[in-house]
Amino acid sequence: MSTRQRRKSWIRPLIVPAIALAFSGYFAWHGWHGSFGIEARRQLAVEAARLDGELERVRGERKLIEHRVTLLRSSSLESDMLDERAREILGFANAKEIAVVASAPQHVWMNRK
């Protein structure tokens, strides 16, 4: 009976470490760039900071509007505030006042040369 002698291959011991390295690289890449990775967390932190700033701005606007609404309530009605809103909404002016309208449309006949 004859036996076959083989030379030991240098590639065979590298197969398992190469596969393990490929899996490690795959998971490391997704750990950094994936939807739950480090980069995504950084982008979420930047977005959260931007939204916090916008929230503070909107809260300031809300306080201003609430204050103006409080001034228009019947229990604490200020005549100046009521007069201002009526003039703004209805477009009226007092007879002794001069009204300057900044956004008045220009007629075609005014632009002729």
N, C-alpha and C. Protein backbone atom coordinates (compact mmCIF):
# COMPACT_ATOMS: atom_id res chain seq x y z
N MET A 1 0.83 -1.15 0.00
CA MET A 1 0.00 0.00 0.00
C MET A 1 0.89 1.23 0.00
N SER A 2 0.53 2.10 -0.83
CA SER A 2 1.34 3.31 -0.94
C SER A 2 0.64 4.48 -0.28
N THR A 3 1.36 5.34 0.28
CA THR A 3 0.81 6.53 0.91
C THR A 3 1.31 7.75 0.15
N ARG A 4 0.48 8.70 0.11
CA ARG A 4 0.84 9.91 -0.61
C ARG A 4 1.34 10.93 0.38
N GLN A 5 2.44 11.48 0.10
CA GLN A 5 3.02 12.50 0.96
C GLN A 5 2.64 13.87 0.39
N ARG A 6 2.16 14.75 1.26
CA ARG A 6 1.81 16.10 0.82
C ARG A 6 2.70 17.10 1.53
N ARG A 7 2.97 18.14 0.78
CA ARG A 7 3.65 19.25 1.41
C ARG A 7 2.63 20.09 2.16
N LYS A 8 3.00 20.61 3.29
CA LYS A 8 2.06 21.43 4.03
C LYS A 8 1.87 22.76 3.31
N SER A 9 0.61 23.14 3.16
CA SER A 9 0.29 24.39 2.47
C SER A 9 0.39 25.56 3.45
N TRP A 10 0.92 26.66 2.99
CA TRP A 10 1.01 27.85 3.84
C TRP A 10 -0.30 28.64 3.83
N ILE A 11 -1.19 28.34 2.88
CA ILE A 11 -2.48 29.06 2.78
C ILE A 11 -3.50 28.49 3.76
N ARG A 12 -3.50 27.20 3.95
CA ARG A 12 -4.50 26.54 4.79
C ARG A 12 -4.57 27.11 6.22
N PRO A 13 -3.48 27.41 6.90
CA PRO A 13 -3.61 27.99 8.25
C PRO A 13 -4.10 29.43 8.25
N LEU A 14 -4.10 30.08 7.09
CA LEU A 14 -4.55 31.48 7.03
C LEU A 14 -6.04 31.63 6.72
N ILE A 15 -6.73 30.57 6.38
CA ILE A 15 -8.13 30.66 5.99
C ILE A 15 -9.01 31.15 7.14
N VAL A 16 -8.94 30.52 8.28
CA VAL A 16 -9.78 30.89 9.43
C VAL A 16 -9.46 32.31 9.92
N PRO A 17 -8.20 32.69 10.09
CA PRO A 17 -7.93 34.07 10.50
C PRO A 17 -8.39 35.10 9.46
N ALA A 18 -8.30 34.75 8.16
CA ALA A 18 -8.75 35.68 7.12
C ALA A 18 -10.26 35.88 7.21
N ILE A 19 -11.00 34.82 7.42
CA ILE A 19 -12.46 34.92 7.56
C ILE A 19 -12.81 35.72 8.82
N ALA A 20 -12.12 35.44 9.92
CA ALA A 20 -12.36 36.20 11.16
C ALA A 20 -12.03 37.68 10.98
N LEU A 21 -10.96 37.97 10.26
CA LEU A 21 -10.59 39.35 9.99
C LEU A 21 -11.63 40.05 9.11
N ALA A 22 -12.16 39.33 8.13
CA ALA A 22 -13.21 39.90 7.27
C ALA A 22 -14.47 40.22 8.07
N PHE A 23 -14.89 39.30 8.94
CA PHE A 23 -16.05 39.56 9.79
C PHE A 23 -15.80 40.73 10.74
N SER A 24 -14.61 40.78 11.30
CA SER A 24 -14.28 41.89 12.20
C SER A 24 -14.30 43.22 11.47
N GLY A 25 -13.76 43.24 10.27
CA GLY A 25 -13.78 44.46 9.47
C GLY A 25 -15.20 44.88 9.11
N TYR A 26 -16.03 43.90 8.77
CA TYR A 26 -17.44 44.19 8.45
C TYR A 26 -18.15 44.83 9.63
N PHE A 27 -18.00 44.22 10.81
CA PHE A 27 -18.68 44.76 11.99
C PHE A 27 -18.08 46.08 12.44
N ALA A 28 -16.78 46.25 12.28
CA ALA A 28 -16.15 47.53 12.64
C ALA A 28 -16.64 48.65 11.73
N TRP A 29 -16.74 48.36 10.44
CA TRP A 29 -17.22 49.38 9.50
C TRP A 29 -18.64 49.79 9.84
N HIS A 30 -19.52 48.82 10.10
CA HIS A 30 -20.90 49.14 10.45
C HIS A 30 -21.01 49.78 11.84
N GLY A 31 -20.08 49.46 12.71
CA GLY A 31 -20.06 50.12 14.02
C GLY A 31 -19.71 51.59 13.92
N TRP A 32 -18.97 51.96 12.90
CA TRP A 32 -18.60 53.36 12.71
C TRP A 32 -19.58 54.09 11.81
N HIS A 33 -19.93 53.49 10.66
CA HIS A 33 -20.73 54.17 9.64
C HIS A 33 -22.19 53.73 9.60
N GLY A 34 -22.58 52.73 10.32
CA GLY A 34 -23.93 52.21 10.24
C GLY A 34 -24.96 53.16 10.83
N SER A 35 -26.23 52.78 10.73
CA SER A 35 -27.31 53.66 11.20
C SER A 35 -27.31 53.82 12.72
N PHE A 36 -26.66 52.94 13.45
CA PHE A 36 -26.54 53.07 14.90
C PHE A 36 -25.08 53.25 15.32
N GLY A 37 -24.23 53.64 14.40
CA GLY A 37 -22.80 53.74 14.66
C GLY A 37 -22.40 55.06 15.28
N ILE A 38 -21.10 55.23 15.41
CA ILE A 38 -20.53 56.41 16.05
C ILE A 38 -20.82 57.67 15.24
N GLU A 39 -20.68 57.58 13.93
CA GLU A 39 -20.92 58.74 13.06
C GLU A 39 -22.40 59.15 13.11
N ALA A 40 -23.30 58.20 13.11
CA ALA A 40 -24.73 58.51 13.19
C ALA A 40 -25.07 59.15 14.53
N ARG A 41 -24.44 58.71 15.60
CA ARG A 41 -24.68 59.30 16.92
C ARG A 41 -24.20 60.74 16.96
N ARG A 42 -23.06 61.02 16.31
CA ARG A 42 -22.55 62.39 16.25
C ARG A 42 -23.51 63.29 15.47
N GLN A 43 -24.02 62.79 14.35
CA GLN A 43 -24.98 63.57 13.57
C GLN A 43 -26.27 63.81 14.35
N LEU A 44 -26.71 62.83 15.12
CA LEU A 44 -27.90 63.00 15.95
C LEU A 44 -27.68 64.05 17.03
N ALA A 45 -26.48 64.09 17.59
CA ALA A 45 -26.17 65.09 18.62
C ALA A 45 -26.18 66.49 18.03
N VAL A 46 -25.65 66.66 16.81
CA VAL A 46 -25.67 67.96 16.15
C VAL A 46 -27.11 68.37 15.85
N GLU A 47 -27.90 67.44 15.36
CA GLU A 47 -29.31 67.73 15.06
C GLU A 47 -30.07 68.07 16.34
N ALA A 48 -29.79 67.38 17.42
CA ALA A 48 -30.46 67.67 18.69
C ALA A 48 -30.11 69.07 19.19
N ALA A 49 -28.86 69.48 19.05
CA ALA A 49 -28.47 70.82 19.46
C ALA A 49 -29.17 71.88 18.61
N ARG A 50 -29.28 71.64 17.31
CA ARG A 50 -29.98 72.59 16.43
C ARG A 50 -31.46 72.68 16.81
N LEU A 51 -32.07 71.55 17.08
CA LEU A 51 -33.48 71.54 17.44
C LEU A 51 -33.73 72.18 18.80
N ASP A 52 -32.77 72.04 19.73
CA ASP A 52 -32.90 72.71 21.03
C ASP A 52 -32.91 74.22 20.85
N GLY A 53 -32.05 74.73 19.98
CA GLY A 53 -32.03 76.17 19.69
C GLY A 53 -33.33 76.63 19.07
N GLU A 54 -33.85 75.83 18.14
CA GLU A 54 -35.12 76.19 17.51
C GLU A 54 -36.26 76.13 18.52
N LEU A 55 -36.21 75.17 19.43
CA LEU A 55 -37.25 75.07 20.47
C LEU A 55 -37.25 76.31 21.35
N GLU A 56 -36.07 76.78 21.74
CA GLU A 56 -36.00 78.00 22.56
C GLU A 56 -36.55 79.21 21.80
N ARG A 57 -36.26 79.29 20.50
CA ARG A 57 -36.77 80.40 19.69
C ARG A 57 -38.30 80.35 19.63
N VAL A 58 -38.85 79.16 19.41
CA VAL A 58 -40.30 79.01 19.33
C VAL A 58 -40.95 79.29 20.68
N ARG A 59 -40.30 78.89 21.76
CA ARG A 59 -40.86 79.20 23.08
C ARG A 59 -40.89 80.70 23.33
N GLY A 60 -39.86 81.41 22.87
CA GLY A 60 -39.86 82.87 22.99
C GLY A 60 -40.99 83.50 22.20
N GLU A 61 -41.21 83.00 20.96
CA GLU A 61 -42.32 83.50 20.15
C GLU A 61 -43.65 83.22 20.84
N ARG A 62 -43.77 82.04 21.42
CA ARG A 62 -45.02 81.68 22.09
C ARG A 62 -45.28 82.60 23.28
N LYS A 63 -44.23 82.89 24.07
CA LYS A 63 -44.41 83.79 25.21
C LYS A 63 -44.87 85.17 24.74
N LEU A 64 -44.28 85.65 23.65
CA LEU A 64 -44.67 86.95 23.10
C LEU A 64 -46.12 86.95 22.66
N ILE A 65 -46.53 85.90 21.96
CA ILE A 65 -47.92 85.81 21.50
C ILE A 65 -48.87 85.68 22.68
N GLU A 66 -48.50 84.88 23.68
CA GLU A 66 -49.36 84.74 24.86
C GLU A 66 -49.50 86.08 25.58
N HIS A 67 -48.42 86.84 25.64
CA HIS A 67 -48.49 88.15 26.28
C HIS A 67 -49.43 89.07 25.51
N ARG A 68 -49.34 89.06 24.19
CA ARG A 68 -50.22 89.91 23.38
C ARG A 68 -51.67 89.47 23.50
N VAL A 69 -51.91 88.17 23.58
CA VAL A 69 -53.28 87.67 23.74
C VAL A 69 -53.82 88.08 25.11
N THR A 70 -52.96 88.04 26.14
CA THR A 70 -53.37 88.45 27.48
C THR A 70 -53.79 89.91 27.47
N LEU A 71 -53.09 90.74 26.72
CA LEU A 71 -53.45 92.16 26.65
C LEU A 71 -54.77 92.38 25.92
N LEU A 72 -55.18 91.46 25.08
CA LEU A 72 -56.43 91.60 24.33
C LEU A 72 -57.63 90.98 25.06
N ARG A 73 -57.42 90.31 26.17
CA ARG A 73 -58.54 89.72 26.91
C ARG A 73 -59.38 90.82 27.54
N SER A 74 -60.65 90.53 27.75
CA SER A 74 -61.57 91.55 28.25
C SER A 74 -61.25 91.96 29.69
N SER A 75 -60.65 91.08 30.48
CA SER A 75 -60.33 91.43 31.87
C SER A 75 -59.20 92.45 31.94
N SER A 76 -58.29 92.44 30.99
CA SER A 76 -57.18 93.39 31.01
C SER A 76 -56.99 94.01 29.63
N LEU A 77 -58.06 94.52 29.08
CA LEU A 77 -58.05 95.07 27.72
C LEU A 77 -57.36 96.42 27.71
N GLU A 78 -56.34 96.55 26.89
CA GLU A 78 -55.67 97.83 26.73
C GLU A 78 -56.16 98.46 25.44
N SER A 79 -56.56 99.69 25.52
CA SER A 79 -57.13 100.35 24.35
C SER A 79 -56.07 100.57 23.27
N ASP A 80 -54.83 100.82 23.67
CA ASP A 80 -53.77 101.01 22.67
C ASP A 80 -53.54 99.73 21.86
N MET A 81 -53.53 98.60 22.54
CA MET A 81 -53.31 97.33 21.86
C MET A 81 -54.47 97.03 20.92
N LEU A 82 -55.68 97.27 21.39
CA LEU A 82 -56.87 97.04 20.57
C LEU A 82 -56.85 97.95 19.35
N ASP A 83 -56.48 99.21 19.55
CA ASP A 83 -56.41 100.18 18.46
C ASP A 83 -55.35 99.76 17.44
N GLU A 84 -54.21 99.33 17.92
CA GLU A 84 -53.13 98.90 17.02
C GLU A 84 -53.55 97.71 16.17
N ARG A 85 -54.16 96.71 16.78
CA ARG A 85 -54.59 95.52 16.04
C ARG A 85 -55.69 95.85 15.05
N ALA A 86 -56.64 96.70 15.45
CA ALA A 86 -57.72 97.06 14.54
C ALA A 86 -57.18 97.81 13.32
N ARG A 87 -56.24 98.70 13.54
CA ARG A 87 -55.66 99.44 12.42
C ARG A 87 -54.87 98.50 11.50
N GLU A 88 -54.15 97.58 12.09
CA GLU A 88 -53.35 96.66 11.29
C GLU A 88 -54.22 95.73 10.46
N ILE A 89 -55.25 95.19 11.08
CA ILE A 89 -56.11 94.22 10.39
C ILE A 89 -57.02 94.90 9.38
N LEU A 90 -57.65 96.00 9.78
CA LEU A 90 -58.62 96.66 8.91
C LEU A 90 -58.00 97.67 7.94
N GLY A 91 -56.79 98.10 8.24
CA GLY A 91 -56.12 99.05 7.36
C GLY A 91 -56.62 100.48 7.53
N PHE A 92 -57.13 100.81 8.70
CA PHE A 92 -57.62 102.15 8.95
C PHE A 92 -56.55 103.02 9.59
N ALA A 93 -56.72 104.33 9.44
CA ALA A 93 -55.84 105.29 10.09
C ALA A 93 -56.70 106.43 10.60
N ASN A 94 -56.20 107.11 11.62
CA ASN A 94 -56.91 108.26 12.17
C ASN A 94 -56.83 109.41 11.18
N ALA A 95 -57.79 110.31 11.23
CA ALA A 95 -57.83 111.43 10.29
C ALA A 95 -56.64 112.36 10.47
N LYS A 96 -56.06 112.42 11.66
CA LYS A 96 -54.95 113.32 11.93
C LYS A 96 -53.59 112.66 11.70
N GLU A 97 -53.56 111.42 11.25
CA GLU A 97 -52.32 110.70 11.05
C GLU A 97 -51.94 110.67 9.57
N ILE A 98 -50.66 110.52 9.33
CA ILE A 98 -50.16 110.34 7.98
C ILE A 98 -49.76 108.88 7.85
N ALA A 99 -50.34 108.20 6.86
CA ALA A 99 -50.06 106.78 6.65
C ALA A 99 -49.09 106.61 5.49
N VAL A 100 -48.00 105.89 5.74
CA VAL A 100 -47.02 105.58 4.69
C VAL A 100 -47.11 104.09 4.44
N VAL A 101 -47.48 103.72 3.21
CA VAL A 101 -47.63 102.31 2.85
C VAL A 101 -46.39 101.90 2.07
N ALA A 102 -45.62 100.99 2.63
CA ALA A 102 -44.34 100.60 2.03
C ALA A 102 -44.52 99.61 0.90
N SER A 103 -45.55 98.80 0.93
CA SER A 103 -45.70 97.76 -0.07
C SER A 103 -46.85 98.04 -1.02
N ALA A 104 -47.07 99.29 -1.36
CA ALA A 104 -48.14 99.63 -2.28
C ALA A 104 -47.73 99.24 -3.69
N PRO A 105 -48.64 98.62 -4.48
CA PRO A 105 -48.29 98.23 -5.85
C PRO A 105 -48.14 99.46 -6.74
N GLN A 106 -47.17 99.44 -7.60
CA GLN A 106 -46.97 100.54 -8.53
C GLN A 106 -47.80 100.27 -9.78
N HIS A 107 -48.44 101.31 -10.27
CA HIS A 107 -49.26 101.17 -11.46
C HIS A 107 -48.39 101.22 -12.70
N VAL A 108 -48.92 100.68 -13.77
CA VAL A 108 -48.17 100.62 -15.02
C VAL A 108 -47.88 102.01 -15.55
N TRP A 109 -48.85 102.93 -15.39
CA TRP A 109 -48.67 104.27 -15.95
C TRP A 109 -47.58 105.06 -15.22
N MET A 110 -47.21 104.61 -13.99
CA MET A 110 -46.15 105.31 -13.26
C MET A 110 -44.76 104.94 -13.78
N ASN A 111 -44.66 103.77 -14.42
CA ASN A 111 -43.35 103.28 -14.88
C ASN A 111 -43.04 103.71 -16.31
N ARG A 112 -43.96 104.36 -16.98
CA ARG A 112 -43.70 104.77 -18.36
C ARG A 112 -42.71 105.92 -18.41
N LYS A 113 -41.87 105.92 -19.42
CA LYS A 113 -40.86 106.97 -19.57
C LYS A 113 -41.18 107.85 -20.73
